[in-house]
């Protein structure tokens, strides 16, 4: 059985980028805050892209329905991941607040 090469997963969105260490600055929360803000912006961009592609498919303007499905699935998975990260962060904060010293 041979695999159709058109189904191969490729592209920049499938590449794992290396994590670069940042030099510590005087402001301890600035790098985390900017990282969180960038992540939320990327999530919003993913959602907007999926919405635009779905609308294009509904109006008959999309030429590749599989790209639309991929964009919508990517947006759904991104939102699920963001929800799980939020839940874990809330649980961690609650655990910290319940810790007795």
PDB file of N, CA and C in Angstrom:
ATOM      1  N   UNK A   1       0.855  -1.179   0.000  1.00  0.00           N
ATOM      2  CA  UNK A   1       0.000   0.000   0.000  1.00  0.00           C
ATOM      3  C   UNK A   1       0.891   1.229   0.000  1.00  0.00           C
ATOM      4  N   UNK A   2       0.675   2.123  -0.931  1.00  0.00           N
ATOM      5  CA  UNK A   2       1.461   3.352  -0.985  1.00  0.00           C
ATOM      6  C   UNK A   2       0.638   4.510  -0.446  1.00  0.00           C
ATOM      7  N   UNK A   3       1.343   5.473   0.106  1.00  0.00           N
ATOM      8  CA  UNK A   3       0.702   6.644   0.677  1.00  0.00           C
ATOM      9  C   UNK A   3       0.721   7.758  -0.351  1.00  0.00           C
ATOM     10  N   UNK A   4      -0.410   8.390  -0.533  1.00  0.00           N
ATOM     11  CA  UNK A   4      -0.525   9.498  -1.469  1.00  0.00           C
ATOM     12  C   UNK A   4       0.308  10.669  -0.956  1.00  0.00           C
ATOM     13  N   UNK A   5       1.299  11.152  -1.727  1.00  0.00           N
ATOM     14  CA  UNK A   5       2.155  12.246  -1.259  1.00  0.00           C
ATOM     15  C   UNK A   5       1.400  13.546  -1.026  1.00  0.00           C
ATOM     16  N   UNK A   6       0.224  13.707  -1.636  1.00  0.00           N
ATOM     17  CA  UNK A   6      -0.532  14.946  -1.412  1.00  0.00           C
ATOM     18  C   UNK A   6      -1.099  15.010   0.000  1.00  0.00           C
ATOM     19  N   UNK A   7      -1.138  13.881   0.693  1.00  0.00           N
ATOM     20  CA  UNK A   7      -1.647  13.864   2.065  1.00  0.00           C
ATOM     21  C   UNK A   7      -0.550  14.098   3.097  1.00  0.00           C
ATOM     22  N   UNK A   8       0.670  14.296   2.655  1.00  0.00           N
ATOM     23  CA  UNK A   8       1.788  14.498   3.578  1.00  0.00           C
ATOM     24  C   UNK A   8       1.608  15.811   4.332  1.00  0.00           C
ATOM     25  N   UNK A   9       1.936  15.778   5.605  1.00  0.00           N
ATOM     26  CA  UNK A   9       1.835  16.961   6.446  1.00  0.00           C
ATOM     27  C   UNK A   9       3.128  17.752   6.294  1.00  0.00           C
ATOM     28  N   UNK A  10       2.990  18.967   5.830  1.00  0.00           N
ATOM     29  CA  UNK A  10       4.165  19.822   5.677  1.00  0.00           C
ATOM     30  C   UNK A  10       3.736  21.262   5.880  1.00  0.00           C
ATOM     31  N   UNK A  11       4.704  22.122   5.962  1.00  0.00           N
ATOM     32  CA  UNK A  11       4.412  23.539   6.138  1.00  0.00           C
ATOM     33  C   UNK A  11       4.933  24.046   7.461  1.00  0.00           C
ATOM     34  N   UNK A  12       5.019  25.346   7.554  1.00  0.00           N
ATOM     35  CA  UNK A  12       5.580  25.981   8.749  1.00  0.00           C
ATOM     36  C   UNK A  12       4.738  25.736   9.992  1.00  0.00           C
ATOM     37  N   UNK A  13       3.408  25.596   9.824  1.00  0.00           N
ATOM     38  CA  UNK A  13       2.559  25.409  11.002  1.00  0.00           C
ATOM     39  C   UNK A  13       2.779  24.059  11.677  1.00  0.00           C
ATOM     40  N   UNK A  14       3.453  23.126  11.002  1.00  0.00           N
ATOM     41  CA  UNK A  14       3.703  21.809  11.572  1.00  0.00           C
ATOM     42  C   UNK A  14       5.119  21.675  12.114  1.00  0.00           C
ATOM     43  N   UNK A  15       5.907  22.716  12.037  1.00  0.00           N
ATOM     44  CA  UNK A  15       7.287  22.686  12.515  1.00  0.00           C
ATOM     45  C   UNK A  15       7.342  23.158  13.963  1.00  0.00           C
ATOM     46  N   UNK A  16       8.091  22.466  14.776  1.00  0.00           N
ATOM     47  CA  UNK A  16       8.261  22.865  16.171  1.00  0.00           C
ATOM     48  C   UNK A  16       9.460  23.786  16.248  1.00  0.00           C
ATOM     49  N   UNK A  17       9.204  24.989  16.717  1.00  0.00           N
ATOM     50  CA  UNK A  17      10.260  25.983  16.811  1.00  0.00           C
ATOM     51  C   UNK A  17      11.025  25.791  18.120  1.00  0.00           C
ATOM     52  N   UNK A  18      12.337  26.033  18.113  1.00  0.00           N
ATOM     53  CA  UNK A  18      13.109  25.889  19.354  1.00  0.00           C
ATOM     54  C   UNK A  18      12.746  26.983  20.347  1.00  0.00           C
ATOM     55  N   UNK A  19      12.843  26.636  21.602  1.00  0.00           N
ATOM     56  CA  UNK A  19      12.598  27.597  22.665  1.00  0.00           C
ATOM     57  C   UNK A  19      13.917  28.291  22.963  1.00  0.00           C
ATOM     58  N   UNK A  20      13.907  29.608  22.833  1.00  0.00           N
ATOM     59  CA  UNK A  20      15.127  30.361  23.063  1.00  0.00           C
ATOM     60  C   UNK A  20      15.094  30.958  24.464  1.00  0.00           C
ATOM     61  N   UNK A  21      16.212  30.853  25.140  1.00  0.00           N
ATOM     62  CA  UNK A  21      16.318  31.428  26.476  1.00  0.00           C
ATOM     63  C   UNK A  21      16.453  32.933  26.357  1.00  0.00           C
ATOM     64  N   UNK A  22      15.761  33.634  27.224  1.00  0.00           N
ATOM     65  CA  UNK A  22      15.868  35.087  27.228  1.00  0.00           C
ATOM     66  C   UNK A  22      16.674  35.525  28.433  1.00  0.00           C
ATOM     67  N   UNK A  23      17.400  36.571  28.250  1.00  0.00           N
ATOM     68  CA  UNK A  23      18.198  37.088  29.355  1.00  0.00           C
ATOM     69  C   UNK A  23      17.265  37.708  30.383  1.00  0.00           C
ATOM     70  N   UNK A  24      17.523  37.485  31.663  1.00  0.00           N
ATOM     71  CA  UNK A  24      16.643  38.059  32.679  1.00  0.00           C
ATOM     72  C   UNK A  24      16.745  39.581  32.666  1.00  0.00           C
ATOM     73  N   UNK A  25      15.593  40.208  32.826  1.00  0.00           N
ATOM     74  CA  UNK A  25      15.551  41.663  32.887  1.00  0.00           C
ATOM     75  C   UNK A  25      15.138  42.092  34.281  1.00  0.00           C
ATOM     76  N   UNK A  26      15.119  43.363  34.499  1.00  0.00           N
ATOM     77  CA  UNK A  26      14.721  43.879  35.805  1.00  0.00           C
ATOM     78  C   UNK A  26      13.255  43.652  36.089  1.00  0.00           C
ATOM     79  N   UNK A  27      12.434  43.543  35.048  1.00  0.00           N
ATOM     80  CA  UNK A  27      11.006  43.328  35.221  1.00  0.00           C
ATOM     81  C   UNK A  27      10.734  41.837  35.110  1.00  0.00           C
ATOM     82  N   UNK A  28      10.331  41.209  36.210  1.00  0.00           N
ATOM     83  CA  UNK A  28      10.198  39.757  36.223  1.00  0.00           C
ATOM     84  C   UNK A  28       8.996  39.261  35.436  1.00  0.00           C
ATOM     85  N   UNK A  29       7.914  40.039  35.329  1.00  0.00           N
ATOM     86  CA  UNK A  29       6.710  39.541  34.679  1.00  0.00           C
ATOM     87  C   UNK A  29       6.553  39.971  33.239  1.00  0.00           C
ATOM     88  N   UNK A  30       7.435  40.774  32.719  1.00  0.00           N
ATOM     89  CA  UNK A  30       7.224  41.317  31.378  1.00  0.00           C
ATOM     90  C   UNK A  30       7.323  40.245  30.296  1.00  0.00           C
ATOM     91  N   UNK A  31       8.246  39.312  30.391  1.00  0.00           N
ATOM     92  CA  UNK A  31       8.375  38.312  29.339  1.00  0.00           C
ATOM     93  C   UNK A  31       7.207  37.328  29.366  1.00  0.00           C
ATOM     94  N   UNK A  32       6.724  36.960  30.543  1.00  0.00           N
ATOM     95  CA  UNK A  32       5.571  36.065  30.618  1.00  0.00           C
ATOM     96  C   UNK A  32       4.326  36.758  30.092  1.00  0.00           C
ATOM     97  N   UNK A  33       4.154  38.002  30.465  1.00  0.00           N
ATOM     98  CA  UNK A  33       2.987  38.762  30.006  1.00  0.00           C
ATOM     99  C   UNK A  33       2.978  38.932  28.499  1.00  0.00           C
ATOM    100  N   UNK A  34       4.139  39.226  27.930  1.00  0.00           N
ATOM    101  CA  UNK A  34       4.192  39.395  26.479  1.00  0.00           C
ATOM    102  C   UNK A  34       3.981  38.062  25.772  1.00  0.00           C
ATOM    103  N   UNK A  35       4.503  36.978  26.352  1.00  0.00           N
ATOM    104  CA  UNK A  35       4.291  35.659  25.766  1.00  0.00           C
ATOM    105  C   UNK A  35       2.806  35.291  25.810  1.00  0.00           C
ATOM    106  N   UNK A  36       2.154  35.574  26.916  1.00  0.00           N
ATOM    107  CA  UNK A  36       0.733  35.287  27.048  1.00  0.00           C
ATOM    108  C   UNK A  36      -0.073  36.120  26.063  1.00  0.00           C
ATOM    109  N   UNK A  37       0.268  37.390  25.945  1.00  0.00           N
ATOM    110  CA  UNK A  37      -0.422  38.254  24.991  1.00  0.00           C
ATOM    111  C   UNK A  37      -0.238  37.786  23.557  1.00  0.00           C
ATOM    112  N   UNK A  38       0.984  37.386  23.216  1.00  0.00           N
ATOM    113  CA  UNK A  38       1.252  36.878  21.865  1.00  0.00           C
ATOM    114  C   UNK A  38       0.456  35.604  21.594  1.00  0.00           C
ATOM    115  N   UNK A  39       0.354  34.746  22.593  1.00  0.00           N
ATOM    116  CA  UNK A  39      -0.395  33.499  22.425  1.00  0.00           C
ATOM    117  C   UNK A  39      -1.882  33.770  22.220  1.00  0.00           C
ATOM    118  N   UNK A  40      -2.411  34.731  22.953  1.00  0.00           N
ATOM    119  CA  UNK A  40      -3.832  35.075  22.793  1.00  0.00           C
ATOM    120  C   UNK A  40      -4.073  35.698  21.425  1.00  0.00           C
ATOM    121  N   UNK A  41      -3.150  36.535  20.969  1.00  0.00           N
ATOM    122  CA  UNK A  41      -3.275  37.115  19.628  1.00  0.00           C
ATOM    123  C   UNK A  41      -3.225  36.034  18.556  1.00  0.00           C
ATOM    124  N   UNK A  42      -2.337  35.051  18.719  1.00  0.00           N
ATOM    125  CA  UNK A  42      -2.242  33.953  17.749  1.00  0.00           C
ATOM    126  C   UNK A  42      -3.526  33.118  17.750  1.00  0.00           C
ATOM    127  N   UNK A  43      -4.109  32.913  18.925  1.00  0.00           N
ATOM    128  CA  UNK A  43      -5.363  32.166  19.028  1.00  0.00           C
ATOM    129  C   UNK A  43      -6.474  32.931  18.317  1.00  0.00           C
ATOM    130  N   UNK A  44      -6.539  34.232  18.526  1.00  0.00           N
ATOM    131  CA  UNK A  44      -7.564  35.042  17.864  1.00  0.00           C
ATOM    132  C   UNK A  44      -7.375  35.029  16.349  1.00  0.00           C
ATOM    133  N   UNK A  45      -6.125  35.080  15.894  1.00  0.00           N
ATOM    134  CA  UNK A  45      -5.843  35.042  14.452  1.00  0.00           C
ATOM    135  C   UNK A  45      -6.284  33.707  13.868  1.00  0.00           C
ATOM    136  N   UNK A  46      -6.028  32.624  14.576  1.00  0.00           N
ATOM    137  CA  UNK A  46      -6.435  31.301  14.114  1.00  0.00           C
ATOM    138  C   UNK A  46      -7.955  31.216  14.008  1.00  0.00           C
ATOM    139  N   UNK A  47      -8.657  31.747  15.005  1.00  0.00           N
ATOM    140  CA  UNK A  47     -10.117  31.734  14.996  1.00  0.00           C
ATOM    141  C   UNK A  47     -10.665  32.581  13.850  1.00  0.00           C
ATOM    142  N   UNK A  48     -10.092  33.764  13.642  1.00  0.00           N
ATOM    143  CA  UNK A  48     -10.550  34.651  12.565  1.00  0.00           C
ATOM    144  C   UNK A  48     -10.291  34.038  11.200  1.00  0.00           C
ATOM    145  N   UNK A  49      -9.139  33.390  11.036  1.00  0.00           N
ATOM    146  CA  UNK A  49      -8.806  32.736   9.768  1.00  0.00           C
ATOM    147  C   UNK A  49      -9.795  31.614   9.467  1.00  0.00           C
ATOM    148  N   UNK A  50     -10.095  30.812  10.466  1.00  0.00           N
ATOM    149  CA  UNK A  50     -11.046  29.709  10.275  1.00  0.00           C
ATOM    150  C   UNK A  50     -12.432  30.248   9.932  1.00  0.00           C
ATOM    151  N   UNK A  51     -12.822  31.312  10.593  1.00  0.00           N
ATOM    152  CA  UNK A  51     -14.126  31.912  10.320  1.00  0.00           C
ATOM    153  C   UNK A  51     -14.200  32.448   8.893  1.00  0.00           C
ATOM    154  N   UNK A  52     -13.147  33.132   8.460  1.00  0.00           N
ATOM    155  CA  UNK A  52     -13.120  33.680   7.106  1.00  0.00           C
ATOM    156  C   UNK A  52     -13.147  32.570   6.064  1.00  0.00           C
ATOM    157  N   UNK A  53     -12.388  31.501   6.305  1.00  0.00           N
ATOM    158  CA  UNK A  53     -12.364  30.391   5.351  1.00  0.00           C
ATOM    159  C   UNK A  53     -13.700  29.658   5.315  1.00  0.00           C
ATOM    160  N   UNK A  54     -14.345  29.499   6.470  1.00  0.00           N
ATOM    161  CA  UNK A  54     -15.651  28.838   6.503  1.00  0.00           C
ATOM    162  C   UNK A  54     -16.695  29.678   5.774  1.00  0.00           C
ATOM    163  N   UNK A  55     -16.606  30.991   5.936  1.00  0.00           N
ATOM    164  CA  UNK A  55     -17.535  31.863   5.233  1.00  0.00           C
ATOM    165  C   UNK A  55     -17.290  31.809   3.721  1.00  0.00           C
ATOM    166  N   UNK A  56     -16.024  31.745   3.323  1.00  0.00           N
ATOM    167  CA  UNK A  56     -15.705  31.629   1.905  1.00  0.00           C
ATOM    168  C   UNK A  56     -16.242  30.316   1.332  1.00  0.00           C
ATOM    169  N   UNK A  57     -16.165  29.248   2.111  1.00  0.00           N
ATOM    170  CA  UNK A  57     -16.698  27.965   1.659  1.00  0.00           C
ATOM    171  C   UNK A  57     -18.220  28.037   1.525  1.00  0.00           C
ATOM    172  N   UNK A  58     -18.867  28.689   2.490  1.00  0.00           N
ATOM    173  CA  UNK A  58     -20.329  28.787   2.459  1.00  0.00           C
ATOM    174  C   UNK A  58     -20.824  29.625   1.282  1.00  0.00           C
ATOM    175  N   UNK A  59     -20.043  30.606   0.874  1.00  0.00           N
ATOM    176  CA  UNK A  59     -20.447  31.456  -0.254  1.00  0.00           C
ATOM    177  C   UNK A  59     -19.955  30.925  -1.593  1.00  0.00           C
ATOM    178  N   UNK A  60     -19.219  29.826  -1.573  1.00  0.00           N
ATOM    179  CA  UNK A  60     -18.746  29.219  -2.807  1.00  0.00           C
ATOM    180  C   UNK A  60     -17.458  29.817  -3.343  1.00  0.00           C
ATOM    181  N   UNK A  61     -16.755  30.594  -2.536  1.00  0.00           N
ATOM    182  CA  UNK A  61     -15.532  31.248  -2.982  1.00  0.00           C
ATOM    183  C   UNK A  61     -14.279  30.427  -2.683  1.00  0.00           C
ATOM    184  N   UNK A  62     -14.386  29.423  -1.829  1.00  0.00           N
ATOM    185  CA  UNK A  62     -13.219  28.613  -1.473  1.00  0.00           C
ATOM    186  C   UNK A  62     -12.951  27.588  -2.569  1.00  0.00           C
ATOM    187  N   UNK A  63     -11.685  27.488  -2.948  1.00  0.00           N
ATOM    188  CA  UNK A  63     -11.333  26.542  -4.011  1.00  0.00           C
ATOM    189  C   UNK A  63     -10.933  25.171  -3.461  1.00  0.00           C
ATOM    190  N   UNK A  64     -10.484  25.125  -2.198  1.00  0.00           N
ATOM    191  CA  UNK A  64     -10.022  23.864  -1.616  1.00  0.00           C
ATOM    192  C   UNK A  64     -10.756  23.597  -0.302  1.00  0.00           C
ATOM    193  N   UNK A  65     -11.784  22.769  -0.320  1.00  0.00           N
ATOM    194  CA  UNK A  65     -12.540  22.503   0.913  1.00  0.00           C
ATOM    195  C   UNK A  65     -11.700  21.838   1.998  1.00  0.00           C
ATOM    196  N   UNK A  66     -10.697  21.052   1.605  1.00  0.00           N
ATOM    197  CA  UNK A  66      -9.875  20.401   2.632  1.00  0.00           C
ATOM    198  C   UNK A  66      -9.065  21.421   3.424  1.00  0.00           C
ATOM    199  N   UNK A  67      -8.645  22.505   2.785  1.00  0.00           N
ATOM    200  CA  UNK A  67      -7.924  23.558   3.506  1.00  0.00           C
ATOM    201  C   UNK A  67      -8.838  24.237   4.514  1.00  0.00           C
ATOM    202  N   UNK A  68     -10.106  24.379   4.159  1.00  0.00           N
ATOM    203  CA  UNK A  68     -11.073  24.978   5.078  1.00  0.00           C
ATOM    204  C   UNK A  68     -11.275  24.076   6.292  1.00  0.00           C
ATOM    205  N   UNK A  69     -11.429  22.791   6.029  1.00  0.00           N
ATOM    206  CA  UNK A  69     -11.613  21.827   7.129  1.00  0.00           C
ATOM    207  C   UNK A  69     -10.388  21.840   8.042  1.00  0.00           C
ATOM    208  N   UNK A  70      -9.204  21.879   7.457  1.00  0.00           N
ATOM    209  CA  UNK A  70      -7.973  21.925   8.260  1.00  0.00           C
ATOM    210  C   UNK A  70      -7.918  23.190   9.111  1.00  0.00           C
ATOM    211  N   UNK A  71      -8.303  24.316   8.545  1.00  0.00           N
ATOM    212  CA  UNK A  71      -8.278  25.579   9.290  1.00  0.00           C
ATOM    213  C   UNK A  71      -9.270  25.548  10.452  1.00  0.00           C
ATOM    214  N   UNK A  72     -10.451  25.012  10.205  1.00  0.00           N
ATOM    215  CA  UNK A  72     -11.465  24.932  11.266  1.00  0.00           C
ATOM    216  C   UNK A  72     -11.018  23.968  12.367  1.00  0.00           C
ATOM    217  N   UNK A  73     -10.463  22.822  11.987  1.00  0.00           N
ATOM    218  CA  UNK A  73      -9.974  21.860  12.981  1.00  0.00           C
ATOM    219  C   UNK A  73      -8.808  22.440  13.781  1.00  0.00           C
ATOM    220  N   UNK A  74      -7.915  23.166  13.104  1.00  0.00           N
ATOM    221  CA  UNK A  74      -6.784  23.795  13.786  1.00  0.00           C
ATOM    222  C   UNK A  74      -7.294  24.815  14.814  1.00  0.00           C
ATOM    223  N   UNK A  75      -8.315  25.583  14.428  1.00  0.00           N
ATOM    224  CA  UNK A  75      -8.897  26.569  15.342  1.00  0.00           C
ATOM    225  C   UNK A  75      -9.565  25.887  16.532  1.00  0.00           C
ATOM    226  N   UNK A  76     -10.258  24.782  16.267  1.00  0.00           N
ATOM    227  CA  UNK A  76     -10.924  24.056  17.344  1.00  0.00           C
ATOM    228  C   UNK A  76      -9.905  23.475  18.321  1.00  0.00           C
ATOM    229  N   UNK A  77      -8.860  22.867  17.797  1.00  0.00           N
ATOM    230  CA  UNK A  77      -7.826  22.296  18.670  1.00  0.00           C
ATOM    231  C   UNK A  77      -7.097  23.381  19.452  1.00  0.00           C
ATOM    232  N   UNK A  78      -6.850  24.511  18.825  1.00  0.00           N
ATOM    233  CA  UNK A  78      -6.191  25.625  19.520  1.00  0.00           C
ATOM    234  C   UNK A  78      -7.043  26.109  20.678  1.00  0.00           C
ATOM    235  N   UNK A  79      -8.349  26.212  20.447  1.00  0.00           N
ATOM    236  CA  UNK A  79      -9.245  26.674  21.505  1.00  0.00           C
ATOM    237  C   UNK A  79      -9.329  25.647  22.636  1.00  0.00           C
ATOM    238  N   UNK A  80      -9.358  24.361  22.289  1.00  0.00           N
ATOM    239  CA  UNK A  80      -9.374  23.327  23.320  1.00  0.00           C
ATOM    240  C   UNK A  80      -8.097  23.368  24.152  1.00  0.00           C
ATOM    241  N   UNK A  81      -6.952  23.558  23.490  1.00  0.00           N
ATOM    242  CA  UNK A  81      -5.685  23.655  24.209  1.00  0.00           C
ATOM    243  C   UNK A  81      -5.675  24.863  25.134  1.00  0.00           C
ATOM    244  N   UNK A  82      -6.155  25.998  24.648  1.00  0.00           N
ATOM    245  CA  UNK A  82      -6.206  27.203  25.485  1.00  0.00           C
ATOM    246  C   UNK A  82      -7.114  26.983  26.697  1.00  0.00           C
ATOM    247  N   UNK A  83      -8.218  26.301  26.490  1.00  0.00           N
ATOM    248  CA  UNK A  83      -9.115  26.004  27.604  1.00  0.00           C
ATOM    249  C   UNK A  83      -8.475  25.089  28.639  1.00  0.00           C
ATOM    250  N   UNK A  84      -7.743  24.085  28.178  1.00  0.00           N
ATOM    251  CA  UNK A  84      -7.065  23.175  29.098  1.00  0.00           C
ATOM    252  C   UNK A  84      -5.951  23.885  29.867  1.00  0.00           C
ATOM    253  N   UNK A  85      -5.219  24.752  29.183  1.00  0.00           N
ATOM    254  CA  UNK A  85      -4.162  25.516  29.858  1.00  0.00           C
ATOM    255  C   UNK A  85      -4.763  26.431  30.909  1.00  0.00           C
ATOM    256  N   UNK A  86      -5.879  27.087  30.576  1.00  0.00           N
ATOM    257  CA  UNK A  86      -6.556  27.955  31.547  1.00  0.00           C
ATOM    258  C   UNK A  86      -7.011  27.161  32.762  1.00  0.00           C
ATOM    259  N   UNK A  87      -7.606  25.991  32.514  1.00  0.00           N
ATOM    260  CA  UNK A  87      -8.078  25.155  33.619  1.00  0.00           C
ATOM    261  C   UNK A  87      -6.923  24.742  34.530  1.00  0.00           C
ATOM    262  N   UNK A  88      -5.812  24.322  33.936  1.00  0.00           N
ATOM    263  CA  UNK A  88      -4.647  23.915  34.737  1.00  0.00           C
ATOM    264  C   UNK A  88      -4.072  25.096  35.514  1.00  0.00           C
ATOM    265  N   UNK A  89      -4.059  26.279  34.916  1.00  0.00           N
ATOM    266  CA  UNK A  89      -3.543  27.460  35.609  1.00  0.00           C
ATOM    267  C   UNK A  89      -4.429  27.828  36.794  1.00  0.00           C
ATOM    268  N   UNK A  90      -5.733  27.734  36.608  1.00  0.00           N
ATOM    269  CA  UNK A  90      -6.660  28.034  37.710  1.00  0.00           C
ATOM    270  C   UNK A  90      -6.493  27.013  38.829  1.00  0.00           C
ATOM    271  N   UNK A  91      -6.375  25.741  38.466  1.00  0.00           N
ATOM    272  CA  UNK A  91      -6.176  24.699  39.479  1.00  0.00           C
ATOM    273  C   UNK A  91      -4.871  24.909  40.233  1.00  0.00           C
ATOM    274  N   UNK A  92      -3.814  25.298  39.538  1.00  0.00           N
ATOM    275  CA  UNK A  92      -2.527  25.538  40.189  1.00  0.00           C
ATOM    276  C   UNK A  92      -2.617  26.722  41.133  1.00  0.00           C
ATOM    277  N   UNK A  93      -3.297  27.785  40.714  1.00  0.00           N
ATOM    278  CA  UNK A  93      -3.449  28.960  41.577  1.00  0.00           C
ATOM    279  C   UNK A  93      -4.265  28.614  42.818  1.00  0.00           C
ATOM    280  N   UNK A  94      -5.322  27.838  42.647  1.00  0.00           N
ATOM    281  CA  UNK A  94      -6.124  27.431  43.794  1.00  0.00           C
ATOM    282  C   UNK A  94      -5.318  26.564  44.745  1.00  0.00           C
ATOM    283  N   UNK A  95      -4.487  25.700  44.214  1.00  0.00           N
ATOM    284  CA  UNK A  95      -3.638  24.853  45.052  1.00  0.00           C
ATOM    285  C   UNK A  95      -2.652  25.696  45.852  1.00  0.00           C
ATOM    286  N   UNK A  96      -2.104  26.706  45.207  1.00  0.00           N
ATOM    287  CA  UNK A  96      -1.169  27.602  45.905  1.00  0.00           C
ATOM    288  C   UNK A  96      -1.880  28.336  47.037  1.00  0.00           C
ATOM    289  N   UNK A  97      -3.098  28.815  46.764  1.00  0.00           N
ATOM    290  CA  UNK A  97      -3.844  29.559  47.787  1.00  0.00           C
ATOM    291  C   UNK A  97      -4.271  28.663  48.945  1.00  0.00           C
ATOM    292  N   UNK A  98      -4.420  27.387  48.701  1.00  0.00           N
ATOM    293  CA  UNK A  98      -4.850  26.457  49.754  1.00  0.00           C
ATOM    294  C   UNK A  98      -3.661  25.881  50.536  1.00  0.00           C
ATOM    295  N   UNK A  99      -2.456  26.158  50.078  1.00  0.00           N
ATOM    296  CA  UNK A  99      -1.281  25.649  50.774  1.00  0.00           C
ATOM    297  C   UNK A  99      -1.115  26.378  52.096  1.00  0.00           C
ATOM    298  N   UNK A 100      -0.953  25.623  53.164  1.00  0.00           N
ATOM    299  CA  UNK A 100      -0.756  26.219  54.483  1.00  0.00           C
ATOM    300  C   UNK A 100       0.727  26.319  54.777  1.00  0.00           C
ATOM    301  N   UNK A 101       1.085  27.433  55.345  1.00  0.00           N
ATOM    302  CA  UNK A 101       2.497  27.668  55.677  1.00  0.00           C
ATOM    303  C   UNK A 101       2.722  27.441  57.151  1.00  0.00           C
TER     304      UNK A 101
END
